[in-house]
Protein backbone atom coordinates (compact mmCIF):
# COMPACT_ATOMS: atom_id res chain seq x y z
CA MET A 1 0.00 0.00 0.00
CA ARG A 2 1.85 3.07 -1.25
CA PHE A 3 -0.84 5.63 -0.39
CA LEU A 4 -2.36 5.54 3.11
CA PRO A 5 -6.02 6.63 3.11
CA VAL A 6 -6.42 9.70 5.33
CA PHE A 7 -9.05 12.41 5.67
CA LEU A 8 -7.88 16.03 5.43
CA ASP A 9 -9.43 18.67 7.69
CA LEU A 10 -10.48 21.32 5.18
CA LYS A 11 -11.14 23.84 7.97
CA ALA A 12 -7.44 23.95 8.82
CA GLY A 13 -6.53 26.25 5.94
CA PRO A 14 -6.91 27.00 2.24
CA VAL A 15 -6.15 24.64 -0.63
CA VAL A 16 -4.20 26.07 -3.56
CA LEU A 17 -5.59 24.93 -6.93
CA ILE A 18 -3.54 25.54 -10.08
CA GLY A 19 -4.41 24.72 -13.68
CA ALA A 20 -6.57 25.41 -16.68
CA GLY A 21 -9.57 24.22 -18.66
CA GLU A 22 -12.11 21.59 -17.72
CA LEU A 23 -9.57 19.66 -15.62
CA LEU A 24 -9.28 22.67 -13.31
CA ARG A 25 -13.08 23.12 -13.26
CA ALA A 26 -13.66 19.49 -12.30
CA LYS A 27 -11.24 19.65 -9.36
CA LEU A 28 -12.68 23.02 -8.31
CA ARG A 29 -16.20 21.53 -8.14
CA VAL A 30 -15.03 18.51 -6.11
CA LEU A 31 -13.05 20.58 -3.61
CA ALA A 32 -15.73 23.26 -3.26
CA ALA A 33 -18.43 20.63 -2.68
CA ALA A 34 -16.25 19.16 0.08
CA GLY A 35 -16.22 22.54 1.85
CA ALA A 36 -12.67 23.60 1.03
CA ARG A 37 -11.49 27.20 1.02
CA LEU A 38 -9.81 27.58 -2.37
CA ARG A 39 -7.10 29.87 -3.68
CA VAL A 40 -7.23 29.35 -7.43
CA HIS A 41 -4.50 30.16 -9.96
CA ALA A 42 -6.28 29.84 -13.32
CA ILE A 43 -3.36 29.98 -15.74
CA ASP A 44 -5.75 30.30 -18.71
CA GLY A 45 -7.29 33.45 -17.17
CA ASN A 46 -10.78 31.91 -16.91
CA GLN A 47 -12.28 32.88 -13.54
CA GLU A 48 -15.81 31.67 -14.27
CA LEU A 49 -17.69 30.12 -11.31
CA ALA A 50 -20.74 28.88 -13.20
CA GLY A 51 -22.19 25.72 -11.68
CA LEU A 52 -21.22 26.52 -8.10
CA GLY A 53 -23.79 27.42 -5.47
CA ALA A 54 -23.51 30.70 -3.62
CA ASP A 55 -22.02 29.12 -0.48
CA ASP A 56 -19.38 27.22 -2.44
CA ALA A 57 -18.52 30.23 -4.61
CA ALA A 58 -18.02 32.36 -1.49
CA ARG A 59 -15.11 30.12 -0.46
CA VAL A 60 -13.27 30.56 -3.79
CA GLU A 61 -10.61 33.25 -4.20
CA PHE A 62 -8.87 33.79 -7.56
CA ALA A 63 -5.22 34.81 -7.35
CA ASP A 64 -3.45 36.77 -10.09
CA SER A 65 0.04 36.21 -8.71
CA ASP A 66 2.59 33.73 -10.04
CA PRO A 67 1.93 30.42 -8.20
CA LEU A 68 5.66 29.65 -8.22
CA THR A 69 6.39 32.69 -6.05
CA ALA A 70 3.04 33.14 -4.25
CA ASP A 71 2.89 33.12 -0.45
CA LEU A 72 1.94 29.64 0.76
CA SER A 73 1.66 30.44 4.46
CA GLY A 74 -1.16 28.50 6.11
CA VAL A 75 -1.87 26.44 2.98
CA ILE A 76 -2.79 22.80 3.76
CA ALA A 77 -2.45 21.27 0.28
CA ILE A 78 -1.66 22.04 -3.36
CA VAL A 79 -3.58 20.58 -6.31
CA CYS A 80 -2.52 20.91 -9.95
CA ALA A 81 -4.93 19.99 -12.75
CA GLY A 82 -4.09 20.87 -16.34
CA ALA A 83 -1.12 22.91 -15.12
CA GLY A 84 1.53 21.48 -17.45
CA ASP A 85 5.15 22.20 -16.49
CA ILE A 86 3.95 24.51 -13.71
CA GLY A 87 2.55 21.44 -11.96
CA VAL A 88 5.97 19.76 -11.89
CA ALA A 89 7.60 22.93 -10.60
CA MET A 90 4.91 23.37 -7.93
CA SER A 91 5.44 19.78 -6.87
CA ALA A 92 9.10 20.49 -6.15
CA ARG A 93 8.20 23.64 -4.25
CA ALA A 94 5.49 21.90 -2.21
CA LYS A 95 7.76 19.01 -1.26
CA ALA A 96 10.48 21.42 -0.18
CA LEU A 97 7.96 23.09 2.13
CA GLY A 98 6.51 19.79 3.39
CA LEU A 99 3.09 20.45 1.85
CA PRO A 100 0.92 17.68 0.39
CA VAL A 101 0.71 18.00 -3.39
CA ASN A 102 -1.29 16.32 -6.13
CA VAL A 103 -0.38 16.69 -9.78
CA MET A 104 -3.20 15.17 -11.76
CA ASP A 105 -2.27 11.93 -13.58
CA ASP A 106 1.33 12.22 -12.41
CA LEU A 107 2.17 9.83 -9.57
CA GLU A 108 5.87 10.68 -9.71
CA HIS A 109 5.24 14.29 -8.67
CA SER A 110 2.32 13.65 -6.30
CA SER A 111 2.51 12.98 -2.57
CA PHE A 112 -1.24 12.28 -2.35
CA ILE A 113 -3.94 11.17 -4.76
CA PHE A 114 -7.68 11.75 -5.09
CA PRO A 115 -9.85 8.71 -4.38
CA ALA A 116 -13.23 7.92 -5.82
CA ILE A 117 -15.62 9.20 -3.15
CA VAL A 118 -18.95 8.00 -1.80
CA ASP A 119 -20.43 10.93 0.13
CA ARG A 120 -23.24 10.27 2.61
CA GLY A 121 -22.75 13.26 4.88
CA ASP A 122 -20.85 12.07 7.96
CA VAL A 123 -20.17 8.77 6.21
CA VAL A 124 -17.53 9.17 3.51
CA VAL A 125 -16.01 6.20 1.70
CA ALA A 126 -12.79 6.72 -0.24
CA VAL A 127 -11.80 4.16 -2.88
CA GLY A 128 -8.30 4.18 -4.32
CA THR A 129 -6.19 2.06 -6.66
CA GLY A 130 -2.84 3.66 -5.89
CA GLY A 131 -3.39 5.99 -8.82
CA THR A 132 -3.12 3.14 -11.32
CA SER A 133 -6.73 2.88 -12.46
CA PRO A 134 -9.27 5.58 -11.59
CA VAL A 135 -11.87 3.74 -13.70
CA VAL A 136 -11.61 0.65 -11.47
CA ALA A 137 -11.96 2.90 -8.41
CA ARG A 138 -15.11 4.44 -9.88
CA ARG A 139 -16.59 1.01 -10.56
CA VAL A 140 -15.98 0.00 -6.94
CA ARG A 141 -17.51 3.26 -5.78
CA GLU A 142 -20.64 2.55 -7.86
CA ARG A 143 -21.04 -0.82 -6.14
CA ILE A 144 -20.68 0.76 -2.71
CA GLU A 145 -23.13 3.53 -3.64
CA ALA A 146 -25.72 0.87 -4.43
CA LEU A 147 -25.18 -0.95 -1.13
CA LEU A 148 -25.20 1.94 1.33
CA PRO A 149 -28.54 3.22 2.68
CA ALA A 150 -29.28 6.77 1.62
CA ARG A 151 -29.49 7.95 5.25
CA ILE A 152 -26.39 6.16 6.56
CA GLY A 153 -24.79 9.58 7.08
CA ASP A 154 -27.76 10.62 9.22
CA LEU A 155 -27.21 7.50 11.36
CA ALA A 156 -23.54 8.39 11.87
CA GLU A 157 -24.49 11.96 12.81
CA PHE A 158 -27.15 10.67 15.22
CA ILE A 159 -24.67 8.37 16.98
CA GLY A 160 -22.10 11.14 17.10
CA GLY A 161 -24.53 13.26 19.06
CA PHE A 162 -24.82 10.65 21.83
CA ARG A 163 -21.44 8.96 21.70
CA LYS A 164 -19.64 10.97 24.36
CA SER A 165 -22.43 10.79 26.93
CA ILE A 166 -23.01 7.06 26.44
CA ASN A 167 -19.30 6.21 26.48
CA GLU A 168 -18.93 8.08 29.78
CA ARG A 169 -21.56 5.75 31.25
CA ILE A 170 -20.00 2.49 29.97
CA ALA A 171 -16.46 1.85 31.19
CA GLU A 172 -15.64 -1.35 29.27
CA PHE A 173 -14.71 -0.88 25.61
CA PRO A 174 -16.20 -4.22 24.38
CA LEU A 175 -19.48 -3.36 26.10
CA ARG A 176 -19.51 0.06 24.43
CA ARG A 177 -19.14 -1.60 21.04
CA ARG A 178 -22.00 -3.97 21.80
CA PHE A 179 -24.18 -1.04 22.88
CA TRP A 180 -23.66 0.74 19.57
CA GLU A 181 -24.12 -2.49 17.61
CA ARG A 182 -27.53 -2.96 19.27
CA VAL A 183 -28.42 0.63 18.46
CA ILE A 184 -27.34 0.39 14.82
CA ASP A 185 -28.78 -3.07 14.16
CA GLY A 186 -32.00 -2.61 16.13
CA PRO A 187 -35.14 -0.46 16.05
CA ILE A 188 -33.29 2.76 16.90
CA GLY A 189 -31.04 2.51 13.86
CA ALA A 190 -33.97 1.46 11.69
CA SER A 191 -35.90 4.57 12.77
CA VAL A 192 -33.04 6.87 11.76
CA LEU A 193 -32.63 5.15 8.38
CA ALA A 194 -36.39 5.50 7.82
CA GLY A 195 -36.21 9.24 8.48
CA ARG A 196 -37.84 9.10 11.93
CA LYS A 197 -35.05 10.70 13.97
CA GLY A 198 -37.47 11.98 16.58
CA GLU A 199 -38.51 8.42 17.47
CA ALA A 200 -34.89 7.32 17.60
CA ASP A 201 -33.92 10.24 19.81
CA ALA A 202 -36.68 9.45 22.30
CA ALA A 203 -35.78 5.74 22.32
CA ILE A 204 -32.09 6.22 23.05
CA ARG A 205 -32.79 8.78 25.78
CA ALA A 206 -35.15 6.27 27.40
CA ILE A 207 -32.29 3.80 28.00
CA SER A 208 -31.69 4.17 31.73
CA ASP A 209 -28.86 1.62 32.02
CA PRO A 210 -26.67 1.51 28.85
CA SER A 211 -24.58 -1.39 30.20
CA ALA A 212 -27.65 -3.53 30.80
CA PHE A 213 -28.95 -2.56 27.35
CA ALA A 214 -25.65 -3.71 25.82
CA ARG A 215 -25.80 -7.05 27.60
CA ALA A 216 -29.46 -7.75 26.79
CA ASP A 217 -30.07 -10.56 24.31
CA LYS A 218 -26.35 -11.17 24.14
CA PRO A 219 -24.72 -14.44 25.22
CA GLU A 220 -22.01 -14.16 27.82
CA GLY A 221 -19.65 -15.55 25.26
CA SER A 222 -19.68 -17.77 22.19
CA VAL A 223 -17.43 -19.53 19.71
CA ALA A 224 -17.86 -19.61 15.93
CA LEU A 225 -15.95 -22.29 14.05
CA VAL A 226 -15.30 -20.59 10.72
CA GLY A 227 -13.97 -22.22 7.56
CA ALA A 228 -11.47 -19.89 5.91
CA GLY A 229 -11.36 -21.87 2.67
CA PRO A 230 -8.16 -22.78 0.84
CA GLY A 231 -6.70 -19.27 0.58
CA ASP A 232 -8.61 -16.95 -1.74
CA PRO A 233 -10.30 -14.32 0.48
CA ASP A 234 -13.09 -13.88 -2.07
CA LEU A 235 -14.21 -17.44 -1.30
CA LEU A 236 -15.13 -16.52 2.27
CA THR A 237 -18.87 -16.63 2.84
CA ILE A 238 -20.75 -13.49 3.84
CA LYS A 239 -21.53 -15.16 7.16
CA ALA A 240 -17.82 -15.82 7.74
CA LEU A 241 -16.99 -12.17 7.02
CA ARG A 242 -19.59 -11.03 9.53
CA ALA A 243 -18.14 -13.36 12.17
CA LEU A 244 -14.64 -12.00 11.56
CA GLN A 245 -15.91 -8.43 11.89
CA ASP A 246 -17.86 -9.18 15.09
CA ALA A 247 -15.15 -11.20 16.86
CA ASP A 248 -13.34 -10.01 19.97
CA ILE A 249 -10.61 -12.63 19.50
CA VAL A 250 -9.65 -14.94 16.62
CA PHE A 251 -7.68 -18.16 17.07
CA HIS A 252 -6.36 -18.97 13.59
CA ASP A 253 -4.39 -21.69 11.87
CA GLU A 254 -0.89 -20.86 10.66
CA LEU A 255 -1.85 -21.61 7.06
CA VAL A 256 -4.74 -19.14 6.90
CA SER A 257 -3.59 -16.66 4.26
CA PRO A 258 -2.61 -13.08 5.20
CA GLU A 259 -5.28 -11.80 2.80
CA ILE A 260 -7.97 -13.56 4.84
CA LEU A 261 -6.50 -12.34 8.13
CA ASP A 262 -6.79 -8.82 6.73
CA ARG A 263 -10.58 -9.26 6.76
CA ILE A 264 -10.56 -9.39 10.57
CA ARG A 265 -11.55 -6.16 12.31
CA ARG A 266 -8.41 -4.17 13.14
CA ASP A 267 -8.87 -4.04 16.91
CA THR A 268 -9.60 -7.77 17.23
CA THR A 269 -7.02 -9.87 19.07
CA ARG A 270 -5.39 -12.45 16.80
CA VAL A 271 -3.78 -15.62 18.14
CA ALA A 272 -1.96 -18.09 15.90
CA VAL A 273 -2.56 -21.59 17.26
CA GLY A 274 -2.00 -23.91 14.31
CA ARG A 275 1.14 -25.70 13.28
CA ARG A 276 3.06 -26.28 10.09
CA VAL A 277 4.37 -29.60 8.88
CA GLY A 278 7.40 -30.64 10.93
CA LYS A 279 6.88 -27.93 13.54
CA PRO A 280 5.14 -28.39 16.89
CA GLY A 281 1.97 -26.50 17.70
CA ILE A 282 0.42 -25.78 21.09
CA GLY A 283 -1.75 -28.92 20.88
CA GLN A 284 -5.49 -29.43 20.48
CA ASP A 285 -6.20 -29.57 24.22
CA ALA A 286 -4.54 -26.21 24.74
CA ILE A 287 -6.50 -24.70 21.84
CA ASN A 288 -9.76 -25.98 23.32
CA LYS A 289 -8.95 -24.57 26.76
CA ARG A 290 -8.06 -21.15 25.37
CA MET A 291 -11.23 -20.94 23.29
CA ILE A 292 -13.41 -21.98 26.21
CA ALA A 293 -11.72 -19.54 28.60
CA ALA A 294 -12.17 -16.66 26.16
CA ALA A 295 -15.85 -17.45 25.64
CA GLN A 296 -16.49 -17.86 29.37
CA SER A 297 -14.97 -14.42 29.92
CA GLY A 298 -17.74 -12.98 27.72
CA GLN A 299 -15.84 -12.66 24.44
CA ARG A 300 -17.07 -13.49 20.97
CA VAL A 301 -14.56 -16.03 19.75
CA VAL A 302 -13.78 -17.17 16.21
CA ARG A 303 -11.81 -20.33 15.58
CA LEU A 304 -10.60 -19.68 12.03
CA LYS A 305 -9.58 -22.86 10.26
CA GLY A 306 -8.16 -23.44 6.80
CA GLY A 307 -10.62 -25.10 4.42
CA ASP A 308 -13.70 -26.44 6.22
CA PRO A 309 -13.78 -27.14 9.98
CA PHE A 310 -15.31 -30.59 9.49
CA VAL A 311 -12.98 -31.86 6.75
CA PHE A 312 -9.73 -32.92 8.45
CA GLY A 313 -9.99 -29.76 10.54
CA ARG A 314 -10.65 -31.28 13.99
CA GLY A 315 -13.84 -29.27 14.16
CA GLY A 316 -15.63 -32.26 15.65
CA GLU A 317 -13.16 -32.46 18.55
CA GLU A 318 -13.55 -28.77 19.25
CA ILE A 319 -17.35 -29.00 19.21
CA GLU A 320 -17.22 -31.86 21.73
CA ALA A 321 -15.07 -29.73 24.05
CA LEU A 322 -17.40 -26.73 23.72
CA ARG A 323 -20.46 -28.85 24.41
CA ALA A 324 -18.84 -30.32 27.52
CA ALA A 325 -18.01 -26.83 28.78
CA GLY A 326 -21.52 -25.52 28.08
CA VAL A 327 -20.24 -22.85 25.69
CA ALA A 328 -22.54 -21.59 22.95
CA TYR A 329 -21.15 -22.21 19.48
CA SER A 330 -21.95 -22.02 15.79
CA ILE A 331 -20.42 -23.56 12.68
CA ILE A 332 -19.76 -21.61 9.50
CA PRO A 333 -18.59 -23.95 6.75
CA GLY A 334 -15.85 -23.09 4.29
CA ILE A 335 -14.77 -24.37 0.91
CA THR A 336 -12.53 -27.36 1.53
CA ALA A 337 -9.21 -27.53 -0.31
CA GLY A 338 -10.29 -30.52 -2.37
CA LEU A 339 -13.21 -28.61 -3.88
CA GLY A 340 -11.19 -25.39 -4.19
CA GLY A 341 -8.36 -27.16 -5.98
CA ALA A 342 -10.72 -29.03 -8.28
CA ALA A 343 -12.39 -25.76 -9.28
CA ASP A 344 -9.08 -23.91 -9.60
CA PHE A 345 -7.65 -26.45 -12.04
CA GLU A 346 -10.98 -27.47 -13.60
CA VAL A 347 -10.81 -31.10 -12.46
CA PRO A 348 -14.34 -32.58 -12.25
CA LEU A 349 -14.21 -34.82 -9.19
CA THR A 350 -17.15 -36.79 -10.60
CA PHE A 351 -17.87 -37.48 -14.26
CA ARG A 352 -20.84 -39.38 -15.69
CA HIS A 353 -20.02 -42.99 -16.57
CA GLU A 354 -16.42 -42.41 -15.50
CA ALA A 355 -16.14 -41.37 -11.86
CA THR A 356 -19.10 -41.96 -9.54
CA ARG A 357 -17.45 -41.91 -6.11
CA ILE A 358 -15.04 -39.69 -4.20
CA THR A 359 -12.84 -40.58 -1.26
CA PHE A 360 -11.14 -37.91 0.83
CA LEU A 361 -7.98 -39.12 2.55
CA THR A 362 -5.67 -37.28 4.92
CA ALA A 363 -1.93 -37.66 4.46
CA HIS A 364 -1.52 -38.32 8.19
CA LYS A 365 -3.28 -41.64 7.59
CA ALA A 366 -1.53 -42.30 4.28
CA ARG A 367 1.93 -42.16 5.86
CA ASP A 368 0.93 -44.98 8.22
CA ALA A 369 0.31 -47.92 5.87
CA ASP A 370 -1.49 -49.92 8.56
CA THR A 371 -4.27 -47.31 8.89
CA VAL A 372 -5.35 -47.34 5.23
CA ASP A 373 -7.03 -50.23 3.45
CA TRP A 374 -5.61 -49.47 0.02
CA SER A 375 -7.63 -52.23 -1.58
CA THR A 376 -10.78 -50.12 -1.20
CA LEU A 377 -9.19 -47.35 -3.31
CA THR A 378 -8.45 -49.28 -6.49
CA ASP A 379 -11.84 -48.86 -8.19
CA THR A 380 -11.17 -46.96 -11.43
CA ARG A 381 -14.51 -45.16 -10.99
CA MET A 382 -13.35 -43.69 -7.69
CA THR A 383 -11.59 -40.32 -7.45
CA VAL A 384 -9.19 -40.18 -4.51
CA VAL A 385 -8.37 -36.78 -3.03
CA VAL A 386 -5.44 -36.71 -0.61
CA TYR A 387 -5.03 -33.73 1.71
CA MET A 388 -1.64 -32.47 2.88
CA GLY A 389 -0.20 -35.02 0.50
CA MET A 390 3.24 -33.73 -0.41
CA THR A 391 5.27 -35.59 2.19
CA ALA A 392 3.00 -38.65 1.94
CA ALA A 393 3.28 -38.96 -1.86
CA PRO A 394 5.71 -41.95 -1.80
CA ALA A 395 3.46 -43.81 0.67
CA VAL A 396 0.35 -43.05 -1.39
CA ARG A 397 1.99 -44.33 -4.57
CA ALA A 398 3.34 -47.46 -2.85
CA GLY A 399 0.02 -48.26 -1.19
CA LEU A 400 -2.08 -47.90 -4.33
CA LEU A 401 0.36 -49.77 -6.55
CA ALA A 402 0.68 -52.62 -4.05
CA ALA A 403 -3.12 -52.88 -3.90
CA GLY A 404 -3.33 -53.15 -7.68
CA ARG A 405 -4.15 -49.71 -8.97
CA SER A 406 -2.56 -49.11 -12.37
CA PRO A 407 0.74 -47.19 -12.39
CA GLU A 408 -0.70 -45.31 -15.39
CA THR A 409 -3.59 -43.88 -13.37
CA PRO A 410 -3.77 -40.10 -14.04
CA VAL A 411 -2.81 -37.97 -11.04
CA GLY A 412 -2.55 -34.28 -10.35
CA VAL A 413 -0.61 -32.44 -7.66
CA PHE A 414 -2.12 -29.02 -6.96
CA ALA A 415 -0.29 -26.69 -4.60
CA ARG A 416 -1.46 -23.50 -2.90
CA VAL A 417 -4.87 -23.85 -4.54
CA THR A 418 -6.97 -20.72 -5.20
CA ARG A 419 -4.01 -18.48 -4.34
CA PRO A 420 -2.17 -16.27 -6.86
CA ASP A 421 0.88 -18.57 -6.76
CA ALA A 422 -1.13 -21.78 -7.24
CA GLN A 423 0.68 -24.38 -9.31
CA GLY A 424 -0.17 -27.81 -10.65
CA ALA A 425 1.58 -30.79 -12.17
CA ILE A 426 -0.13 -33.66 -13.98
CA GLY A 427 1.16 -37.11 -14.80
CA MET A 428 0.76 -40.74 -13.78
CA LEU A 429 0.66 -42.48 -10.44
CA ARG A 430 4.09 -44.05 -10.85
CA ASP A 431 5.62 -40.54 -11.13
CA LEU A 432 3.79 -39.04 -8.15
CA PRO A 433 6.85 -38.03 -6.03
CA GLU A 434 8.42 -36.31 -9.04
CA LEU A 435 5.18 -34.39 -9.70
CA VAL A 436 5.25 -33.19 -6.09
CA ARG A 437 8.76 -31.83 -6.59
CA ARG A 438 7.60 -29.83 -9.61
CA THR A 439 5.11 -27.78 -7.59
CA HIS A 440 7.79 -26.23 -5.35
CA GLY A 441 6.18 -26.38 -1.93
CA GLY A 442 2.78 -26.76 -0.35
CA PRO A 443 0.27 -26.99 1.03
CA ALA A 444 -0.98 -29.28 -1.71
CA ILE A 445 -3.69 -31.80 -2.53
CA LEU A 446 -3.38 -34.88 -4.71
CA ILE A 447 -6.21 -35.88 -7.05
CA ILE A 448 -5.99 -39.44 -8.33
CA GLY A 449 -8.25 -40.90 -10.99
CA ASP A 450 -9.30 -40.71 -14.61
CA VAL A 451 -11.05 -37.35 -14.02
CA VAL A 452 -7.65 -35.68 -14.01
CA ARG A 453 -7.62 -36.12 -17.80
CA HIS A 454 -10.36 -33.47 -17.98
CA ALA A 455 -8.39 -30.79 -16.13
CA GLY A 456 -8.17 -27.34 -17.66
CA SER A 457 -5.08 -25.18 -17.97
CA LEU A 458 -2.38 -25.50 -15.33
CA HIS A 459 -0.55 -22.66 -13.63
CA ARG A 460 3.03 -22.61 -14.90
CA GLN A 461 2.05 -25.01 -17.69
CA THR A 462 2.61 -24.39 -21.40
CA PRO A 463 -0.81 -23.40 -22.77
CA GLN A 464 -0.44 -25.43 -25.96
CA GLN A 465 -0.57 -28.75 -24.08
CA THR A 466 -3.76 -29.94 -22.38
CA PRO A 467 -3.60 -32.36 -19.41
CA THR A 468 -4.98 -35.13 -21.65
CA GLN A 469 -2.16 -34.54 -24.12
CA ILE A 470 0.40 -34.57 -21.31
CA ILE A 471 -0.83 -37.95 -20.05
CA SER A 472 -1.05 -39.34 -23.61
CA ASP A 473 2.54 -38.30 -24.29
CA LEU A 474 3.64 -40.02 -21.07
CA LEU A 475 1.80 -43.21 -22.05
CA ASP A 476 3.38 -43.12 -25.53
CA ALA A 477 6.82 -42.70 -23.96
CA ALA A 478 6.15 -45.63 -21.62
CA GLU A 479 5.28 -47.88 -24.58
C-alpha cells in the first residue's frame, strides 16, 4: 500500500488549486463541494464560477500572482490539474515546504492522490487504486453507492450526538461496542434510516442503564468455528466475514492466508494456534482450553480454520469440548481444499459414466500404511483426493500400486490452490513423487483418478498442451 487513506481537515486552511480548462473546473467543483477554502490560480485566465452554489462560490478566491512565487503560508495542500510544467515545478516547491501535493495523472510528482468518493454526509467512503486505475476505483464506488442506505450519514451523525455521553456511562470498551451495535442493528437505527429521527432520539434517551442494554439478548460468550477456505479471500462466505468483523478474539491456523486475516476487524485480538508440517503447535487440548476460557470471559470467539472445519480440521473435537463446557457455538462452513483445488484447475471430481465416487484421505493416515485399506481405493470409478499429500506422496503411490491400482492412473498435484501462486503438475501415479517436486512447496492436494484427464489449464504449464495430451505423451513414452 503506497498511499495511506487519510481524511484532510479542510477547515485547517486553504487549498491552492492551479491549472486550466475543464480539468481545473472538475477539481474546483469537487473541492468546493467538500467545503474547502480555495485559492485558485487559473493559468488560462478563466475565472468563471458557473455551476457553483452561492455558499461554495463564497469560499473561492482567484489569485493573479505567479503560483511559483506566491505566499503559501497556512496552505494545507496544493492541487494541480491541467497545469503542465507549472505542476511539476509546484510539486518540487510543495515538497520542499513539506506540503501535500497532487499533480493530476502524475504519480511521480504527487505525494497524495484523489480517491473515488462515496459521500453520505458524515459517512464518507474513499476508494483508491494507488493511482493506477481511476476507472476501477469508480466502478468499486458505484457498487458501494448501491449498497449503502441513503441515510447512513444521518445515522452516523445521530450516533455522534450521543457517543460521548453514552461512552462516559459504559467503562468497558467491548461493552460500548455492543451497545452501539444494538443501536445500529435494532429499532433505533432502523428509525433513523427510515427518516424518523425523533422516534430514535426518544428511544435512546429512554435507555436508563446503557450497560444492561448492551448485555441484553447477548450471550455471555460464544465460539464460531469458521472455515477460511483454501486461501482466496473472495471465497469466504458473507456469514464468515460477519463473524470476523464481530469477533473479539480470533484463534487462527498458521496456514490461513494473510489476505484472509486482513478481513478481521483491526482491533480484534489475533492468536496463531496452528502448526506447520514438521513444527510443533500448542496442541489441540490447549487450543480448546483457550477458546473456552475466552468465551467464558464474555468474548465473541472465532476459531478460524483453513478449508472447512469438518474436513480434516478437527472441528468435531472442538465442538465436543465446547459442548462439555456448556459454551454456545456455531459452525460456518468453508470451501474445503479438495473442492477449491478441483475448481481452480478445472478437475471434475465426478464425471458421468467415469467417476461416480469420491474418497477424501488425509496424508496423516496415508503415511501410516497400517491405517489405510488401500484395496478399497483401487476402483477406477473412484476419485481419490489426498489432503496435505506432499510428504505422503511416496506412501500413497506405494500403497495404491501394491493394492493393484494401475501405475498409469492419471494424477494431479495441486499446490497452494486458489491463491495467486497456485501451481499444478499432472502425470501418472508411478511418477507421483516427481510431480510433487515440480510444484515447489505446499500446502498441496493430490487428485488421483481418470477425471484428471479433464483438467483445464495448469498454472506454470505451457498453454499449448492440455492435461490429456500430457498424459497421452507419457503413455506413448512408456510404450
